[in-house]
Amino acid sequence: MIEFRIDRRSGTATYQQIVDQTKHALRLGILRPGDRLPTAKEVVAATAINPNTVLKAYRELEREGLVEGKRGMGTFVSRSLAIPSVVAEGPLRDELTGWVSRARQAGLAREDVEALVKAALDENYKGDM
């Protein structure tokens, strides 16, 4: 089951963090169709956020067709965003993991690495949105 981590200093709305973390888990195959998301009550207990924030995130995911709420049963994953395992577990991931490890050994903070990765993404995916 996914455990949401809320970063109150990120500048990203809390509900959006839940949406983003869910999509990330869907892309990596951590969540698969049929999996149940934690209930709003469980997320509130773990993160101390307002239950309406959780419900807003789940509604957004439902609007995108990624999850489906079933009355009295919970919210379930209805569609995967998983990239092919040959890509997710192959040489590209190994290279990226090695690069991140070298960046950390070079003394870069997580935020530094995130900024570099974002810059590279922005440069290589210009116009894709």
Foldseek 3Di string as FASTA:
>chain_A
DDQQDADPPPPDDRLVSVLVSVLVCLQLVVADFFDFDDQLVVNCVRHVDDSVSPVVSLVVCVVVVQWDQDPPPGIGGHDGNYDDVCCSVHDVVVVVVVVVVVCVVVPDDPVRVVVVVVVVCCVVCPPPD
